[in-house]
């Protein structure tokens, strides 16, 4: 895992290495990556929510009481 101090060193190195003309390009590219990561995260979270909803729905269907009046066991063995 990268800590804050490592990120600051990387940022300082980038600032020193890049020419000032390249900074807007870098910021633009970072913005594109950020948007892509946000979209990916949102899609994953939507998928997780759909799975949770399906599991809750399935669980609630299984917990519903059965209509016991319509089910009458056929027990001919006792006659």
N, C-alpha and C. Protein backbone atom coordinates (compact mmCIF):
# COMPACT_ATOMS: atom_id res chain seq x y z
N UNK A 1 0.84 -1.17 0.00
CA UNK A 1 0.00 0.00 0.00
C UNK A 1 0.89 1.24 0.00
N UNK A 2 0.50 2.20 -0.80
CA UNK A 2 1.28 3.43 -0.90
C UNK A 2 0.74 4.43 0.11
N UNK A 3 1.65 5.01 0.88
CA UNK A 3 1.27 6.00 1.87
C UNK A 3 1.28 7.40 1.29
N UNK A 4 0.89 8.35 2.11
CA UNK A 4 0.82 9.74 1.67
C UNK A 4 2.21 10.27 1.36
N UNK A 5 3.20 9.91 2.15
CA UNK A 5 4.55 10.42 1.89
C UNK A 5 5.07 9.95 0.53
N UNK A 6 4.78 8.70 0.16
CA UNK A 6 5.19 8.21 -1.15
C UNK A 6 4.47 8.94 -2.27
N UNK A 7 3.18 9.19 -2.08
CA UNK A 7 2.42 9.94 -3.08
C UNK A 7 2.95 11.36 -3.26
N UNK A 8 3.35 12.00 -2.15
CA UNK A 8 3.92 13.34 -2.24
C UNK A 8 5.25 13.33 -2.99
N UNK A 9 6.06 12.32 -2.77
CA UNK A 9 7.34 12.21 -3.48
C UNK A 9 7.09 12.01 -4.97
N UNK A 10 6.12 11.16 -5.32
CA UNK A 10 5.79 10.93 -6.73
C UNK A 10 5.27 12.21 -7.36
N UNK A 11 4.40 12.93 -6.67
CA UNK A 11 3.86 14.19 -7.20
C UNK A 11 4.97 15.22 -7.40
N UNK A 12 5.87 15.31 -6.44
CA UNK A 12 6.99 16.25 -6.56
C UNK A 12 7.88 15.88 -7.74
N UNK A 13 8.15 14.60 -7.94
CA UNK A 13 8.96 14.15 -9.07
C UNK A 13 8.28 14.49 -10.39
N UNK A 14 6.97 14.30 -10.46
CA UNK A 14 6.24 14.62 -11.69
C UNK A 14 6.30 16.12 -11.96
N UNK A 15 6.14 16.94 -10.93
CA UNK A 15 6.19 18.39 -11.11
C UNK A 15 7.56 18.82 -11.60
N UNK A 16 8.60 18.21 -11.09
CA UNK A 16 9.96 18.58 -11.49
C UNK A 16 10.25 18.10 -12.91
N UNK A 17 9.82 16.89 -13.25
CA UNK A 17 10.15 16.30 -14.54
C UNK A 17 9.36 16.92 -15.69
N UNK A 18 8.07 17.17 -15.47
CA UNK A 18 7.22 17.68 -16.54
C UNK A 18 7.46 19.16 -16.81
N UNK A 19 7.35 19.51 -18.07
CA UNK A 19 7.40 20.91 -18.44
C UNK A 19 6.05 21.53 -18.11
N UNK A 20 6.02 22.83 -17.87
CA UNK A 20 4.73 23.48 -17.55
C UNK A 20 3.70 23.33 -18.67
N UNK A 21 4.15 23.17 -19.91
CA UNK A 21 3.20 22.98 -21.01
C UNK A 21 2.47 21.64 -20.92
N UNK A 22 3.08 20.65 -20.26
CA UNK A 22 2.48 19.32 -20.17
C UNK A 22 1.52 19.17 -18.99
N UNK A 23 1.50 20.12 -18.07
CA UNK A 23 0.66 19.99 -16.88
C UNK A 23 -0.83 19.93 -17.21
N UNK A 24 -1.34 20.78 -18.10
CA UNK A 24 -2.78 20.66 -18.43
C UNK A 24 -3.13 19.31 -19.04
N UNK A 25 -2.25 18.76 -19.86
CA UNK A 25 -2.50 17.44 -20.45
C UNK A 25 -2.57 16.37 -19.36
N UNK A 26 -1.66 16.48 -18.41
CA UNK A 26 -1.63 15.52 -17.30
C UNK A 26 -2.90 15.61 -16.47
N UNK A 27 -3.30 16.83 -16.14
CA UNK A 27 -4.51 17.01 -15.33
C UNK A 27 -5.73 16.50 -16.09
N UNK A 28 -5.79 16.76 -17.40
CA UNK A 28 -6.90 16.28 -18.21
C UNK A 28 -6.94 14.76 -18.21
N UNK A 29 -5.79 14.13 -18.39
CA UNK A 29 -5.72 12.67 -18.41
C UNK A 29 -6.11 12.09 -17.04
N UNK A 30 -5.65 12.71 -15.97
CA UNK A 30 -6.03 12.25 -14.63
C UNK A 30 -7.53 12.37 -14.43
N UNK A 31 -8.14 13.43 -14.95
CA UNK A 31 -9.58 13.60 -14.86
C UNK A 31 -10.32 12.51 -15.62
N UNK A 32 -9.81 12.15 -16.80
CA UNK A 32 -10.42 11.06 -17.56
C UNK A 32 -10.36 9.75 -16.80
N UNK A 33 -9.19 9.45 -16.22
CA UNK A 33 -9.04 8.22 -15.43
C UNK A 33 -10.00 8.22 -14.25
N UNK A 34 -10.10 9.37 -13.58
CA UNK A 34 -10.98 9.48 -12.43
C UNK A 34 -12.42 9.21 -12.83
N UNK A 35 -12.87 9.78 -13.95
CA UNK A 35 -14.24 9.53 -14.41
C UNK A 35 -14.44 8.05 -14.74
N UNK A 36 -13.46 7.44 -15.37
CA UNK A 36 -13.56 6.02 -15.71
C UNK A 36 -13.66 5.17 -14.44
N UNK A 37 -12.86 5.49 -13.44
CA UNK A 37 -12.92 4.75 -12.17
C UNK A 37 -14.26 4.95 -11.49
N UNK A 38 -14.79 6.18 -11.54
CA UNK A 38 -16.09 6.44 -10.93
C UNK A 38 -17.19 5.63 -11.63
N UNK A 39 -17.15 5.60 -12.96
CA UNK A 39 -18.15 4.83 -13.71
C UNK A 39 -18.06 3.35 -13.37
N UNK A 40 -16.84 2.84 -13.33
CA UNK A 40 -16.63 1.42 -13.01
C UNK A 40 -17.14 1.12 -11.61
N UNK A 41 -16.81 1.97 -10.65
CA UNK A 41 -17.25 1.79 -9.27
C UNK A 41 -18.78 1.82 -9.20
N UNK A 42 -19.41 2.78 -9.89
CA UNK A 42 -20.86 2.88 -9.88
C UNK A 42 -21.50 1.64 -10.49
N UNK A 43 -20.93 1.13 -11.58
CA UNK A 43 -21.47 -0.09 -12.20
C UNK A 43 -21.36 -1.29 -11.27
N UNK A 44 -20.22 -1.41 -10.62
CA UNK A 44 -20.03 -2.53 -9.68
C UNK A 44 -21.02 -2.41 -8.52
N UNK A 45 -21.19 -1.20 -7.99
CA UNK A 45 -22.11 -1.02 -6.87
C UNK A 45 -23.55 -1.29 -7.30
N UNK A 46 -23.92 -0.92 -8.53
CA UNK A 46 -25.26 -1.23 -9.04
C UNK A 46 -25.46 -2.74 -9.15
N UNK A 47 -24.44 -3.44 -9.64
CA UNK A 47 -24.52 -4.90 -9.74
C UNK A 47 -24.67 -5.53 -8.37
N UNK A 48 -23.91 -5.05 -7.41
CA UNK A 48 -23.99 -5.58 -6.04
C UNK A 48 -25.39 -5.33 -5.47
N UNK A 49 -25.93 -4.13 -5.71
CA UNK A 49 -27.27 -3.82 -5.20
C UNK A 49 -28.32 -4.72 -5.84
N UNK A 50 -28.19 -4.98 -7.15
CA UNK A 50 -29.13 -5.87 -7.82
C UNK A 50 -29.07 -7.27 -7.22
N UNK A 51 -27.87 -7.76 -6.95
CA UNK A 51 -27.71 -9.08 -6.34
C UNK A 51 -28.34 -9.10 -4.96
N UNK A 52 -28.12 -8.04 -4.17
CA UNK A 52 -28.73 -7.97 -2.85
C UNK A 52 -30.25 -7.96 -2.94
N UNK A 53 -30.78 -7.17 -3.88
CA UNK A 53 -32.23 -7.10 -4.04
C UNK A 53 -32.80 -8.45 -4.44
N UNK A 54 -32.12 -9.15 -5.36
CA UNK A 54 -32.60 -10.47 -5.77
C UNK A 54 -32.56 -11.44 -4.61
N UNK A 55 -31.52 -11.38 -3.79
CA UNK A 55 -31.42 -12.27 -2.64
C UNK A 55 -32.51 -11.97 -1.61
N UNK A 56 -32.79 -10.70 -1.39
CA UNK A 56 -33.84 -10.32 -0.45
C UNK A 56 -35.19 -10.78 -0.98
N UNK A 57 -35.42 -10.58 -2.28
CA UNK A 57 -36.69 -11.00 -2.86
C UNK A 57 -36.85 -12.52 -2.77
N UNK A 58 -35.80 -13.25 -3.08
CA UNK A 58 -35.87 -14.71 -3.00
C UNK A 58 -36.11 -15.15 -1.57
N UNK A 59 -35.44 -14.52 -0.63
CA UNK A 59 -35.60 -14.87 0.77
C UNK A 59 -37.02 -14.57 1.24
N UNK A 60 -37.58 -13.43 0.82
CA UNK A 60 -38.93 -13.09 1.26
C UNK A 60 -39.97 -14.02 0.63
N UNK A 61 -39.72 -14.49 -0.58
CA UNK A 61 -40.64 -15.43 -1.21
C UNK A 61 -40.61 -16.76 -0.45
N UNK A 62 -39.44 -17.18 -0.03
CA UNK A 62 -39.33 -18.44 0.70
C UNK A 62 -39.96 -18.35 2.08
N UNK A 63 -39.99 -17.15 2.66
CA UNK A 63 -40.55 -16.99 4.00
C UNK A 63 -42.05 -16.79 4.01
N UNK A 64 -42.68 -16.59 2.84
CA UNK A 64 -44.13 -16.38 2.80
C UNK A 64 -44.84 -17.67 3.22
N UNK A 65 -45.90 -17.51 3.99
CA UNK A 65 -46.63 -18.71 4.41
C UNK A 65 -47.32 -19.36 3.21
N UNK A 66 -47.28 -20.65 3.16
CA UNK A 66 -47.90 -21.40 2.08
C UNK A 66 -49.41 -21.42 2.29
N UNK A 67 -50.13 -21.55 1.23
CA UNK A 67 -51.58 -21.69 1.32
C UNK A 67 -51.86 -23.14 1.71
N UNK A 68 -52.04 -23.37 2.97
CA UNK A 68 -52.16 -24.72 3.49
C UNK A 68 -53.54 -25.33 3.21
N UNK A 69 -54.54 -24.51 2.94
CA UNK A 69 -55.87 -25.05 2.68
C UNK A 69 -55.91 -25.79 1.35
N UNK A 70 -55.16 -25.32 0.40
CA UNK A 70 -55.20 -25.97 -0.91
C UNK A 70 -54.36 -27.25 -0.92
N UNK A 71 -53.53 -27.43 0.09
CA UNK A 71 -52.69 -28.62 0.14
C UNK A 71 -53.28 -29.58 1.16
N UNK A 72 -53.84 -30.65 0.66
CA UNK A 72 -54.37 -31.68 1.55
C UNK A 72 -53.67 -32.99 1.20
N UNK A 73 -52.90 -33.50 2.12
CA UNK A 73 -52.18 -34.73 1.81
C UNK A 73 -53.15 -35.89 1.56
N UNK A 74 -52.81 -36.67 0.62
CA UNK A 74 -53.63 -37.84 0.29
C UNK A 74 -53.10 -39.02 1.08
N UNK A 75 -53.84 -39.42 2.09
CA UNK A 75 -53.37 -40.47 2.99
C UNK A 75 -54.30 -41.67 2.92
N UNK A 76 -54.10 -42.51 1.93
CA UNK A 76 -54.91 -43.71 1.79
C UNK A 76 -54.43 -44.84 2.69
N UNK A 77 -53.28 -44.71 3.25
CA UNK A 77 -52.72 -45.81 4.03
C UNK A 77 -53.45 -46.00 5.35
N UNK A 78 -54.14 -44.97 5.86
CA UNK A 78 -54.81 -45.10 7.14
C UNK A 78 -56.21 -45.73 7.01
N UNK A 79 -56.75 -45.82 5.84
CA UNK A 79 -58.11 -46.38 5.68
C UNK A 79 -58.14 -47.86 5.74
